Amino acid sequence: MNLGVHRIPEKVFLALAAGGGGTTAVELLRRAQYSKRLLLLRGVRNAGGPETARAYDLLARIQEDAPEAVEAVLRYPTVGEWTRRTLVVLSGKEDGTACPGELAALAAGAAIKAGFRCEIEVPARSGAIVLPGLGRALVPGRASALVRSGPGGAEVVAGDARTRLPRDVHRDAPGWEAIRRLTVEHRGADGVFLLDEHDPDRMPGADWLPHRLGRSELEHWRSTLDDAWRILTRHHPSVAEDVAAFISVLTPLVSPVYRQASATPRHAFGSIGLSSPPDARFLAVTLAHEVQHTKLTGLLDVVHLTEPDDGATYYAPWRDDPRPVAGLLQGAYAHLGIAGFWRTQRHHETGAAALEADGEFARWRAATDLVIRTLAGTGRLTPEGEVFVGEMGRTVRAWLDEPVRDEALRRSRDTAGRHVVAWRRRYGAHPSLPGTA
């Protein structure tokens, strides 16, 4: 396959910089990510041994019959992290354990999706074989298991034990723990999300929930996601479109004490992690936040926006620690999305919730504007980065004069001021702090 060179047209680049993107941006970024996956996969094939080569060849044969099945597996977010990690560990650039033979799991998953007749031995991870995007078959005490597939279905054979996969692989069965599917639909807009609680590469470095969601927990996630989707489709349709296009996998995380957690992994494009959402509005703004990270992460694989890290760090109003330029840019772009969410949502709330939403808009538009100005003054943006940050600034500056109730403005300024004081107490004075000459 000739992958070509991926470029972002100026019009699309500026739309992304303004906080949006549209369908063209979706297609371009997704296409670039798929090319990246293919290159990484080829690297794993070349770095592995005969078993890896056989799995790769099987994947190629399946692609001839069912290219959509292979593409679905390769696009699964954890495949990006697994291929990257495998290559950097094999090259000695990172410590860790790499098993290129796990490429067999990708071939097995594609075969199951396609109903392709074959059998392949798949290495086990912690007493199970994990099939990306599908689930895991429990094979305690085994180093590997045989996956057999065909038009009539699939099974996993480990010694004398046989696990028959259900026809709908996203449902549990004896010996099979599925990656469960969450679907939402409202006003003709739908979304499909997979709840990944199995894959070891789903959220590197994150504090995963140590157990699968139980029935009541799963129902809470389903109902909260359904209500959040209504908020997005009714009041933030462009955000809903981005979320449906860019985010396909949710990973439950442990909730920090008195807080919530969410994150977007750098190398698992299409996946986000989050702790149990307390309510629909919180989940809606979290999705608006994390989809911005996802878009920017995809763009950064095509266009460099910052110069290499020089060790300098800066104040970020949403963090308790200093941030390098690359992290500052990620945070500003995400909070552009958060401010945009509250800018609209405040007009759909009443009473105390409306005052709170007004305050959130006031706080995050000011914070994003501050960091955009900080970024512009660092001297660490590429020419493309300067254009990108300039367009971000154009968006948020247009919001600064929009009226906000006095009480909401006072609260937002008080909160922002307390954050600055606490930060200065920890780290001392810094030119990027508000009010510092």
Protein backbone atom coordinates (compact mmCIF):
# COMPACT_ATOMS: atom_id res chain seq x y z
CA MET A 1 0.00 0.00 0.00
CA ASN A 2 1.31 3.47 -0.90
CA LEU A 3 0.63 5.51 2.22
CA GLY A 4 1.69 8.83 0.70
CA VAL A 5 2.27 12.01 2.70
CA HIS A 6 -0.46 13.39 4.91
CA ARG A 7 -1.07 17.12 4.88
CA ILE A 8 -3.68 19.35 6.50
CA PRO A 9 -5.07 22.05 4.18
CA GLU A 10 -4.94 25.59 5.56
CA LYS A 11 -8.71 25.92 5.81
CA VAL A 12 -8.97 22.71 7.87
CA PHE A 13 -5.94 23.66 9.98
CA LEU A 14 -7.51 27.00 10.88
CA ALA A 15 -10.84 25.36 11.68
CA LEU A 16 -9.09 22.97 14.07
CA ALA A 17 -7.15 25.85 15.62
CA ALA A 18 -10.40 27.73 16.25
CA GLY A 19 -11.58 24.73 18.28
CA GLY A 20 -13.68 22.97 15.65
CA GLY A 21 -12.69 20.97 12.61
CA GLY A 22 -15.64 19.45 10.80
CA THR A 23 -16.01 16.30 8.71
CA THR A 24 -12.98 16.99 6.51
CA ALA A 25 -10.73 17.24 9.56
CA VAL A 26 -12.18 13.99 10.90
CA GLU A 27 -11.38 12.15 7.68
CA LEU A 28 -7.86 13.57 7.35
CA LEU A 29 -6.84 12.87 10.93
CA ARG A 30 -8.32 9.37 10.93
CA ARG A 31 -6.59 8.58 7.66
CA ALA A 32 -3.25 9.76 9.02
CA GLN A 33 -3.71 7.64 12.14
CA TYR A 34 -4.41 4.55 10.07
CA SER A 35 -1.26 5.07 8.04
CA LYS A 36 0.67 5.42 11.28
CA ARG A 37 -0.78 2.11 12.51
CA LEU A 38 0.22 0.34 9.30
CA LEU A 39 3.79 1.63 9.54
CA LEU A 40 4.11 0.63 13.19
CA LEU A 41 2.66 -2.79 12.46
CA ARG A 42 5.16 -3.33 9.67
CA GLY A 43 7.91 -2.36 12.11
CA VAL A 44 6.72 -4.98 14.61
CA ARG A 45 6.63 -7.59 11.86
CA ASN A 46 10.20 -6.79 10.85
CA ALA A 47 11.46 -6.77 14.46
CA GLY A 48 9.75 -10.04 15.42
CA GLY A 49 10.54 -13.65 14.65
CA PRO A 50 8.86 -16.37 12.60
CA GLU A 51 5.68 -16.43 14.74
CA THR A 52 5.22 -12.71 14.24
CA ALA A 53 5.73 -13.07 10.50
CA ARG A 54 3.14 -15.87 10.34
CA ALA A 55 0.60 -13.75 12.20
CA TYR A 56 1.29 -10.82 9.87
CA ASP A 57 0.85 -13.04 6.82
CA LEU A 58 -2.46 -14.34 8.19
CA LEU A 59 -3.61 -10.76 8.73
CA ALA A 60 -2.71 -10.02 5.09
CA ARG A 61 -4.74 -13.02 3.89
CA ILE A 62 -7.75 -11.93 5.92
CA GLN A 63 -7.41 -8.44 4.46
CA GLU A 64 -7.80 -9.84 0.94
CA ASP A 65 -11.19 -11.32 1.88
CA ALA A 66 -12.42 -8.86 4.51
CA PRO A 67 -10.47 -5.57 4.53
CA GLU A 68 -13.07 -3.91 6.75
CA ALA A 69 -12.47 -6.48 9.51
CA VAL A 70 -8.72 -5.91 9.46
CA GLU A 71 -9.14 -2.15 9.42
CA ALA A 72 -11.52 -2.28 12.39
CA VAL A 73 -8.97 -4.23 14.43
CA LEU A 74 -6.00 -2.06 13.45
CA ARG A 75 -7.91 1.13 14.22
CA TYR A 76 -8.69 -0.06 17.74
CA PRO A 77 -6.95 2.44 20.06
CA THR A 78 -4.83 0.00 22.07
CA VAL A 79 -3.20 -1.31 18.89
CA GLY A 80 -1.47 2.06 18.54
CA GLU A 81 0.00 1.88 22.03
CA TRP A 82 0.92 -1.82 21.72
CA THR A 83 2.80 -1.39 18.43
CA ARG A 84 4.62 1.71 19.71
CA ARG A 85 5.56 0.10 23.02
CA THR A 86 6.71 -3.09 21.35
CA LEU A 87 9.00 -1.25 18.97
CA VAL A 88 10.57 1.10 21.52
CA VAL A 89 11.20 -1.74 24.00
CA LEU A 90 12.74 -3.94 21.31
CA SER A 91 14.95 -1.04 20.22
CA GLY A 92 16.14 -0.48 23.80
CA LYS A 93 14.73 3.05 23.99
CA GLU A 94 12.41 2.12 26.87
CA ASP A 95 12.50 -0.51 29.58
CA GLY A 96 9.78 -3.11 29.71
CA THR A 97 8.66 -6.41 28.28
CA ALA A 98 7.78 -6.73 24.61
CA CYS A 99 6.25 -9.74 22.89
CA PRO A 100 5.95 -9.12 19.15
CA GLY A 101 4.26 -12.51 18.89
CA GLU A 102 1.18 -10.84 20.40
CA LEU A 103 0.50 -9.69 16.85
CA ALA A 104 -1.30 -13.05 16.72
CA ALA A 105 -4.07 -11.49 18.84
CA LEU A 106 -4.71 -8.94 16.09
CA ALA A 107 -4.89 -11.65 13.45
CA ALA A 108 -7.22 -13.72 15.64
CA GLY A 109 -9.49 -10.74 16.26
CA ALA A 110 -9.69 -9.93 12.56
CA ALA A 111 -10.43 -13.57 11.72
CA ILE A 112 -13.27 -13.65 14.26
CA LYS A 113 -14.76 -10.43 12.91
CA ALA A 114 -14.56 -11.73 9.33
CA GLY A 115 -15.65 -15.31 10.04
CA PHE A 116 -12.39 -16.33 8.36
CA ARG A 117 -11.52 -20.02 8.66
CA CYS A 118 -8.17 -20.42 10.42
CA GLU A 119 -6.49 -21.28 13.70
CA ILE A 120 -3.67 -19.44 15.42
CA GLU A 121 -1.84 -19.68 18.75
CA VAL A 122 -2.16 -16.48 20.79
CA PRO A 123 0.12 -15.64 23.76
CA ALA A 124 -1.64 -15.17 27.11
CA ARG A 125 -1.38 -12.11 29.34
CA SER A 126 -1.97 -12.64 33.07
CA GLY A 127 -4.08 -15.75 32.63
CA ALA A 128 -6.10 -14.61 29.63
CA ILE A 129 -5.75 -14.01 25.93
CA VAL A 130 -6.79 -10.48 25.08
CA LEU A 131 -8.31 -9.84 21.66
CA PRO A 132 -8.24 -6.06 21.03
CA GLY A 133 -11.69 -4.58 20.69
CA LEU A 134 -13.45 -7.87 21.49
CA GLY A 135 -12.65 -9.08 25.00
CA ARG A 136 -10.63 -11.73 26.75
CA ALA A 137 -10.83 -15.49 27.15
CA LEU A 138 -9.76 -16.79 30.56
CA VAL A 139 -6.99 -19.39 30.32
CA PRO A 140 -5.53 -19.55 33.86
CA GLY A 141 -2.08 -21.09 34.10
CA ARG A 142 -1.57 -21.20 30.34
CA ALA A 143 1.14 -19.41 28.38
CA SER A 144 -0.99 -19.39 25.23
CA ALA A 145 -4.21 -20.69 23.72
CA LEU A 146 -5.41 -21.71 20.27
CA VAL A 147 -8.03 -19.54 18.60
CA ARG A 148 -10.12 -21.28 15.97
CA SER A 149 -12.49 -19.28 13.79
CA GLY A 150 -14.71 -19.81 10.81
CA PRO A 151 -18.08 -18.90 9.31
CA GLY A 152 -19.84 -20.71 12.15
CA GLY A 153 -18.13 -18.79 14.95
CA ALA A 154 -14.99 -19.02 17.06
CA GLU A 155 -13.60 -20.85 20.06
CA VAL A 156 -10.55 -20.67 22.29
CA VAL A 157 -8.85 -23.95 23.15
CA ALA A 158 -6.47 -24.23 26.11
CA GLY A 159 -5.58 -27.82 26.87
CA ASP A 160 -8.82 -29.65 27.60
CA ALA A 161 -10.77 -26.42 28.13
CA ARG A 162 -12.80 -24.90 25.31
CA THR A 163 -14.41 -21.48 25.40
CA ARG A 164 -17.04 -20.86 22.76
CA LEU A 165 -17.34 -17.18 21.88
CA PRO A 166 -20.92 -15.89 21.63
CA ARG A 167 -22.14 -14.76 18.24
CA ASP A 168 -22.27 -11.24 19.64
CA VAL A 169 -18.74 -11.05 21.03
CA HIS A 170 -19.64 -7.95 23.05
CA ARG A 171 -21.71 -10.12 25.40
CA ASP A 172 -20.23 -12.24 28.19
CA ALA A 173 -20.25 -16.04 28.05
CA PRO A 174 -18.71 -18.79 30.20
CA GLY A 175 -14.94 -18.19 30.14
CA TRP A 176 -15.39 -15.07 27.99
CA GLU A 177 -15.33 -11.49 29.37
CA ALA A 178 -16.49 -9.15 26.64
CA ILE A 179 -15.60 -5.57 25.95
CA ARG A 180 -19.11 -4.29 26.44
CA ARG A 181 -20.81 -1.89 24.06
CA LEU A 182 -22.55 1.35 25.07
CA THR A 183 -24.78 2.90 22.42
CA VAL A 184 -26.53 6.27 22.44
CA GLU A 185 -28.99 7.92 20.06
CA HIS A 186 -30.90 11.17 20.12
CA ARG A 187 -32.46 13.22 17.34
CA GLY A 188 -30.91 11.01 14.69
CA ALA A 189 -27.38 11.38 16.07
CA ASP A 190 -25.88 8.19 17.41
CA GLY A 191 -22.67 7.09 19.06
CA VAL A 192 -21.09 3.73 19.84
CA PHE A 193 -18.54 3.36 22.62
CA LEU A 194 -16.71 0.26 23.81
CA LEU A 195 -16.02 -0.07 27.53
CA ASP A 196 -12.51 -1.49 27.72
CA GLU A 197 -11.70 -2.99 31.12
CA HIS A 198 -9.24 -5.64 29.87
CA ASP A 199 -6.53 -4.54 27.47
CA PRO A 200 -3.18 -3.90 29.23
CA ASP A 201 -2.44 -1.09 26.76
CA ARG A 202 -5.72 0.79 27.21
CA MET A 203 -4.45 3.65 29.42
CA PRO A 204 -0.69 3.57 30.06
CA GLY A 205 0.24 5.01 33.44
CA ALA A 206 -3.36 5.53 34.55
CA ASP A 207 -4.96 4.21 37.72
CA TRP A 208 -7.43 1.71 36.26
CA LEU A 209 -10.49 0.59 38.15
CA PRO A 210 -9.34 -2.72 39.69
CA HIS A 211 -12.54 -4.58 38.83
CA ARG A 212 -15.06 -4.80 36.02
CA LEU A 213 -18.12 -2.64 36.42
CA GLY A 214 -20.89 -4.52 38.18
CA ARG A 215 -24.48 -4.49 37.00
CA SER A 216 -25.50 -1.35 38.90
CA GLU A 217 -22.28 0.47 37.99
CA LEU A 218 -22.71 -0.43 34.33
CA GLU A 219 -26.30 0.80 34.36
CA HIS A 220 -25.12 4.10 35.89
CA TRP A 221 -22.60 4.53 33.07
CA ARG A 222 -25.25 3.69 30.46
CA SER A 223 -27.89 6.06 31.79
CA THR A 224 -25.45 8.90 32.47
CA LEU A 225 -23.94 8.57 29.00
CA ASP A 226 -27.43 8.57 27.48
CA ASP A 227 -28.35 11.77 29.31
CA ALA A 228 -25.00 13.41 28.48
CA TRP A 229 -25.56 12.56 24.82
CA ARG A 230 -28.92 14.36 24.94
CA ILE A 231 -27.18 17.47 26.29
CA LEU A 232 -24.57 17.37 23.54
CA THR A 233 -26.91 16.68 20.65
CA ARG A 234 -29.46 19.30 21.78
CA HIS A 235 -27.12 22.14 22.66
CA HIS A 236 -23.65 21.26 21.31
CA PRO A 237 -24.21 19.38 18.03
CA SER A 238 -20.72 20.03 16.64
CA VAL A 239 -19.17 18.63 19.83
CA ALA A 240 -21.43 15.58 19.58
CA GLU A 241 -20.27 15.03 15.99
CA ASP A 242 -16.62 15.25 17.05
CA VAL A 243 -17.14 12.89 19.98
CA ALA A 244 -18.90 10.31 17.81
CA ALA A 245 -16.18 10.55 15.15
CA PHE A 246 -13.07 10.59 17.33
CA ILE A 247 -13.86 8.73 20.57
CA SER A 248 -14.67 5.03 20.37
CA VAL A 249 -13.37 3.57 23.65
CA LEU A 250 -13.96 4.47 27.31
CA THR A 251 -11.81 3.09 30.13
CA PRO A 252 -13.04 3.32 33.74
CA LEU A 253 -10.50 4.91 36.11
CA VAL A 254 -10.28 5.12 39.88
CA SER A 255 -11.83 8.30 41.26
CA PRO A 256 -9.32 10.43 43.18
CA VAL A 257 -10.46 11.52 46.65
CA TYR A 258 -12.96 14.41 46.35
CA ARG A 259 -12.28 14.74 42.62
CA GLN A 260 -12.93 13.15 39.23
CA ALA A 261 -10.33 11.91 36.77
CA SER A 262 -10.16 11.90 32.99
CA ALA A 263 -7.31 11.51 30.52
CA THR A 264 -6.49 10.99 26.87
CA PRO A 265 -3.60 8.63 26.11
CA ARG A 266 -1.06 9.96 23.65
CA HIS A 267 -0.62 6.78 21.61
CA ALA A 268 -4.06 5.16 21.84
CA PHE A 269 -5.92 7.50 19.50
CA GLY A 270 -9.68 7.22 19.95
CA SER A 271 -9.63 6.21 23.61
CA ILE A 272 -10.22 8.20 26.78
CA GLY A 273 -10.17 7.22 30.45
CA LEU A 274 -12.51 8.62 33.07
CA SER A 275 -13.74 7.88 36.55
CA SER A 276 -17.39 7.15 37.21
CA PRO A 277 -19.26 10.29 36.07
CA PRO A 278 -21.31 11.88 38.86
CA ASP A 279 -23.94 13.28 36.50
CA ALA A 280 -24.78 13.86 32.85
CA ARG A 281 -23.64 17.48 32.66
CA PHE A 282 -20.25 16.57 34.11
CA LEU A 283 -19.87 13.76 31.57
CA ALA A 284 -20.92 16.03 28.70
CA VAL A 285 -18.24 18.63 29.51
CA THR A 286 -15.68 15.85 30.08
CA LEU A 287 -16.34 14.54 26.57
CA ALA A 288 -16.07 18.09 25.20
CA HIS A 289 -12.73 18.39 27.04
CA GLU A 290 -11.20 15.06 26.04
CA VAL A 291 -12.23 15.21 22.39
CA GLN A 292 -10.13 18.38 22.11
CA HIS A 293 -7.11 16.44 23.40
CA THR A 294 -7.87 13.69 20.90
CA LYS A 295 -8.03 16.10 17.96
CA LEU A 296 -4.82 17.85 18.94
CA THR A 297 -3.00 14.56 19.50
CA GLY A 298 -3.99 13.45 16.01
CA LEU A 299 -2.95 16.77 14.50
CA LEU A 300 0.47 16.65 16.20
CA ASP A 301 1.24 13.42 14.34
CA VAL A 302 1.00 15.43 11.11
CA VAL A 303 2.09 18.97 12.04
CA HIS A 304 4.71 20.04 14.61
CA LEU A 305 3.39 22.96 16.64
CA THR A 306 6.10 23.26 19.33
CA GLU A 307 9.88 23.15 19.32
CA PRO A 308 11.69 20.41 21.28
CA ASP A 309 11.37 20.77 25.04
CA ASP A 310 14.03 23.08 26.51
CA GLY A 311 13.15 22.35 30.14
CA ALA A 312 11.21 25.57 30.73
CA THR A 313 7.87 25.31 32.54
CA TYR A 314 4.94 27.69 32.99
CA TYR A 315 1.86 28.38 35.07
CA ALA A 316 -1.36 26.62 34.01
CA PRO A 317 -4.59 27.71 35.80
CA TRP A 318 -5.99 24.17 35.64
CA ARG A 319 -2.97 22.38 37.11
CA ASP A 320 -1.19 22.36 40.45
CA ASP A 321 2.20 21.80 38.79
CA PRO A 322 4.25 23.78 36.23
CA ARG A 323 3.82 22.67 32.61
CA PRO A 324 6.19 22.50 29.63
CA VAL A 325 5.13 24.23 26.42
CA ALA A 326 3.70 21.06 24.82
CA GLY A 327 1.59 20.34 27.91
CA LEU A 328 0.53 23.98 28.11
CA LEU A 329 -0.71 23.84 24.52
CA GLN A 330 -2.67 20.65 25.19
CA GLY A 331 -4.30 22.19 28.24
CA ALA A 332 -5.17 25.44 26.46
CA TYR A 333 -6.76 23.60 23.55
CA ALA A 334 -8.79 21.38 25.87
CA HIS A 335 -9.97 24.36 27.90
CA LEU A 336 -10.94 26.18 24.75
CA GLY A 337 -13.43 23.34 24.40
CA ILE A 338 -14.49 23.60 28.05
CA ALA A 339 -15.04 27.36 27.83
CA GLY A 340 -16.99 26.87 24.61
CA PHE A 341 -19.19 24.27 26.28
CA TRP A 342 -20.10 26.56 29.19
CA ARG A 343 -20.54 29.55 26.87
CA THR A 344 -23.48 27.72 25.32
CA GLN A 345 -24.66 25.61 28.25
CA ARG A 346 -25.20 28.61 30.55
CA HIS A 347 -28.14 29.64 28.37
CA HIS A 348 -29.84 26.29 28.98
CA GLU A 349 -29.62 26.27 32.78
CA THR A 350 -31.76 27.92 35.43
CA GLY A 351 -31.29 29.04 39.01
CA ALA A 352 -28.10 28.05 40.80
CA ALA A 353 -27.00 25.86 37.89
CA ALA A 354 -27.15 28.84 35.53
CA LEU A 355 -25.01 30.92 37.90
CA GLU A 356 -22.51 28.08 38.17
CA ALA A 357 -22.35 27.67 34.39
CA ASP A 358 -21.88 31.42 33.96
CA GLY A 359 -18.98 31.28 36.41
CA GLU A 360 -17.40 28.32 34.64
CA PHE A 361 -17.51 30.19 31.35
CA ALA A 362 -15.99 33.30 32.92
CA ARG A 363 -13.21 31.36 34.61
CA TRP A 364 -12.13 29.20 31.70
CA ARG A 365 -12.32 31.87 29.00
CA ALA A 366 -9.98 34.04 31.10
CA ALA A 367 -7.69 31.12 31.94
CA THR A 368 -7.47 30.01 28.32
CA ASP A 369 -6.75 33.54 27.16
CA LEU A 370 -3.96 33.86 29.75
CA VAL A 371 -2.27 30.64 28.64
CA ILE A 372 -2.62 31.48 24.95
CA ARG A 373 -0.78 34.75 25.62
CA THR A 374 1.83 32.82 27.62
CA LEU A 375 2.34 30.40 24.74
CA ALA A 376 2.72 33.24 22.27
CA GLY A 377 5.52 34.69 24.38
CA THR A 378 7.55 31.53 24.97
CA GLY A 379 9.44 31.57 21.68
CA ARG A 380 8.95 27.78 21.58
CA LEU A 381 6.23 27.59 18.91
CA THR A 382 6.97 26.55 15.36
CA PRO A 383 5.68 28.86 12.59
CA GLU A 384 2.67 26.54 12.28
CA GLY A 385 2.28 26.64 16.06
CA GLU A 386 2.22 30.43 16.04
CA VAL A 387 -0.60 30.40 13.50
CA PHE A 388 -2.47 27.74 15.47
CA VAL A 389 -2.18 29.56 18.80
CA GLY A 390 -3.05 32.84 17.12
CA GLU A 391 -6.29 31.38 15.81
CA MET A 392 -7.07 29.92 19.25
CA GLY A 393 -6.58 33.42 20.64
CA ARG A 394 -8.89 34.91 18.03
CA THR A 395 -11.65 32.54 19.18
CA VAL A 396 -11.32 33.18 22.90
CA ARG A 397 -10.83 36.96 22.59
CA ALA A 398 -14.22 37.19 20.92
CA TRP A 399 -15.71 35.72 24.11
CA LEU A 400 -14.03 38.03 26.61
CA ASP A 401 -16.54 40.86 26.25
CA GLU A 402 -19.64 38.66 26.42
CA PRO A 403 -21.71 39.63 29.47
CA VAL A 404 -21.53 37.48 32.58
CA ARG A 405 -23.47 38.14 35.78
CA ASP A 406 -21.52 40.07 38.39
CA GLU A 407 -21.80 37.34 41.02
CA ALA A 408 -20.53 34.69 38.61
CA LEU A 409 -17.65 36.92 37.58
CA ARG A 410 -16.73 37.60 41.21
CA ARG A 411 -16.75 33.90 42.07
CA SER A 412 -14.64 32.97 39.06
CA ARG A 413 -12.06 35.65 39.86
CA ASP A 414 -11.92 34.58 43.51
CA THR A 415 -11.34 30.95 42.51
CA ALA A 416 -8.68 31.91 39.99
CA GLY A 417 -6.97 34.15 42.54
CA ARG A 418 -6.82 31.41 45.17
CA HIS A 419 -5.23 29.10 42.61
CA VAL A 420 -2.53 31.68 41.82
CA VAL A 421 -1.78 32.22 45.52
CA ALA A 422 -1.47 28.47 46.15
CA TRP A 423 0.75 28.04 43.09
CA ARG A 424 3.00 30.93 44.12
CA ARG A 425 3.29 29.44 47.61
CA ARG A 426 4.57 26.17 46.10
CA TYR A 427 6.78 27.44 43.31
CA GLY A 428 7.44 31.13 43.91
CA ALA A 429 7.06 34.01 41.48
CA HIS A 430 7.06 33.34 37.74
CA PRO A 431 6.58 35.67 34.74
CA SER A 432 3.67 33.51 33.49
CA LEU A 433 1.66 34.15 36.67
CA PRO A 434 -1.14 36.75 36.46
CA GLY A 435 -0.13 40.06 37.90
CA THR A 436 3.61 39.39 37.56
CA ALA A 437 5.56 42.02 35.74
